[in-house]
Protein backbone atom coordinates (compact mmCIF):
# COMPACT_ATOMS: atom_id res chain seq x y z
CA UNK A 1 -35.43 30.17 -48.57
CA UNK A 2 -36.03 32.04 -45.34
CA UNK A 3 -35.80 29.80 -42.27
CA UNK A 4 -37.42 30.61 -38.96
CA UNK A 5 -35.27 30.75 -35.84
CA UNK A 6 -37.91 28.85 -33.84
CA UNK A 7 -38.49 26.06 -36.36
CA UNK A 8 -36.61 22.87 -37.20
CA UNK A 9 -37.61 23.06 -40.87
CA UNK A 10 -35.08 23.96 -43.53
CA UNK A 11 -31.29 23.98 -43.58
CA UNK A 12 -28.57 26.27 -42.24
CA UNK A 13 -24.86 26.43 -42.99
CA UNK A 14 -21.94 26.30 -40.55
CA UNK A 15 -21.59 30.04 -40.00
CA UNK A 16 -25.27 30.69 -39.35
CA UNK A 17 -25.40 27.68 -37.01
CA UNK A 18 -22.37 28.84 -35.00
CA UNK A 19 -23.73 32.39 -34.73
CA UNK A 20 -27.14 31.18 -33.59
CA UNK A 21 -25.61 28.90 -30.95
CA UNK A 22 -23.44 31.77 -29.69
CA UNK A 23 -26.48 34.05 -29.49
CA UNK A 24 -28.45 31.44 -27.55
CA UNK A 25 -25.54 30.98 -25.15
CA UNK A 26 -25.18 34.74 -24.62
CA UNK A 27 -28.94 35.10 -24.12
CA UNK A 28 -28.95 32.37 -21.48
CA UNK A 29 -25.95 33.82 -19.65
CA UNK A 30 -27.33 37.36 -19.79
CA UNK A 31 -30.80 36.51 -18.52
CA UNK A 32 -29.36 34.34 -15.77
CA UNK A 33 -26.98 37.07 -14.60
CA UNK A 34 -29.70 39.73 -14.60
CA UNK A 35 -32.19 37.47 -12.79
CA UNK A 36 -29.66 36.45 -10.12
CA UNK A 37 -28.70 40.08 -9.50
CA UNK A 38 -32.33 41.21 -9.45
CA UNK A 39 -33.57 38.53 -7.05
CA UNK A 40 -30.55 38.72 -4.74
CA UNK A 41 -31.52 42.29 -3.75
CA UNK A 42 -35.29 41.95 -3.56
CA UNK A 43 -36.98 44.52 -1.32
CA UNK A 44 -38.49 41.86 1.00
CA UNK A 45 -35.37 39.72 1.40
CA UNK A 46 -33.08 37.70 -0.78
CA UNK A 47 -34.49 35.24 -3.32
CA UNK A 48 -31.23 34.26 -5.02
CA UNK A 49 -32.51 30.76 -5.76
CA UNK A 50 -35.38 32.24 -7.76
CA UNK A 51 -32.78 33.87 -10.02
CA UNK A 52 -31.13 30.47 -10.48
CA UNK A 53 -34.54 28.98 -11.33
CA UNK A 54 -35.13 31.66 -13.97
CA UNK A 55 -31.70 30.83 -15.40
CA UNK A 56 -32.50 27.12 -15.56
CA UNK A 57 -35.82 27.73 -17.31
CA UNK A 58 -34.10 30.07 -19.77
CA UNK A 59 -31.39 27.47 -20.43
CA UNK A 60 -34.00 24.79 -21.10
CA UNK A 61 -35.89 27.00 -23.58
CA UNK A 62 -32.69 28.05 -25.34
CA UNK A 63 -31.61 24.40 -25.37
CA UNK A 64 -34.78 23.46 -27.24
CA UNK A 65 -34.20 26.22 -29.78
CA UNK A 66 -30.57 25.05 -30.08
CA UNK A 67 -31.83 21.53 -30.74
CA UNK A 68 -33.97 22.88 -33.58
CA UNK A 69 -30.90 24.59 -35.02
CA UNK A 70 -28.94 21.33 -34.77
CA UNK A 71 -31.68 19.49 -36.65
CA UNK A 72 -31.41 22.05 -39.47
CA UNK A 73 -27.63 21.70 -39.50
CA UNK A 74 -27.75 17.90 -39.56
CA UNK A 75 -30.18 18.07 -42.48
CA UNK A 76 -27.75 20.39 -44.27
CA UNK A 77 -24.93 17.88 -43.65
CA UNK A 78 -27.02 15.01 -45.03
CA UNK A 79 -27.18 13.23 -41.63
CA UNK A 80 -30.16 11.67 -39.89
CA UNK A 81 -32.02 13.44 -37.08
CA UNK A 82 -31.56 10.52 -34.69
CA UNK A 83 -27.93 11.62 -34.19
CA UNK A 84 -29.27 14.15 -31.69
CA UNK A 85 -29.71 11.28 -29.19
CA UNK A 86 -25.95 11.63 -28.59
CA UNK A 87 -26.69 14.94 -26.85
CA UNK A 88 -27.76 12.88 -23.83
CA UNK A 89 -24.27 11.39 -23.35
CA UNK A 90 -21.93 13.67 -21.36
CA UNK A 91 -18.75 14.48 -23.25
CA UNK A 92 -20.07 13.08 -26.51
CA UNK A 93 -22.55 15.97 -26.67
CA UNK A 94 -19.69 18.48 -26.86
CA UNK A 95 -18.07 16.46 -29.63
CA UNK A 96 -21.37 16.38 -31.54
CA UNK A 97 -21.76 20.16 -31.28
CA UNK A 98 -18.16 20.65 -32.46
CA UNK A 99 -18.77 18.20 -35.31
CA UNK A 100 -21.90 20.05 -36.45
CA UNK A 101 -20.04 23.37 -36.34
CA UNK A 102 -16.98 22.26 -38.32
CA UNK A 103 -18.26 19.54 -40.69
CA UNK A 104 -18.89 20.71 -44.25
CA UNK A 105 -22.35 20.82 -45.79
CA UNK A 106 -23.37 18.09 -48.17
CA UNK A 107 -23.37 20.58 -51.04
CA UNK A 108 -19.83 21.87 -50.33
């Protein structure tokens, strides 16, 4: 079954999940770097903070897409979606992401 990148429906395995998270992270870092460089040398002055704002908005959008990917991965692991509430707790969120990357699928 083909799963959409922008949807939380379906399931994905460990490798696909890790690749998608890495792509989202690289996309966020790349857009932020380009925006900060672009707005720091604007022709009417420096608007460096606008580049930071673009980076924050990009990070929020990529974070939502990453959340959709985590929901697919949790479904593949046989876990409930409410586990994503742990993303709000600093430190625990990194452990949850590591757990979803390394834990086997329910079918494995």
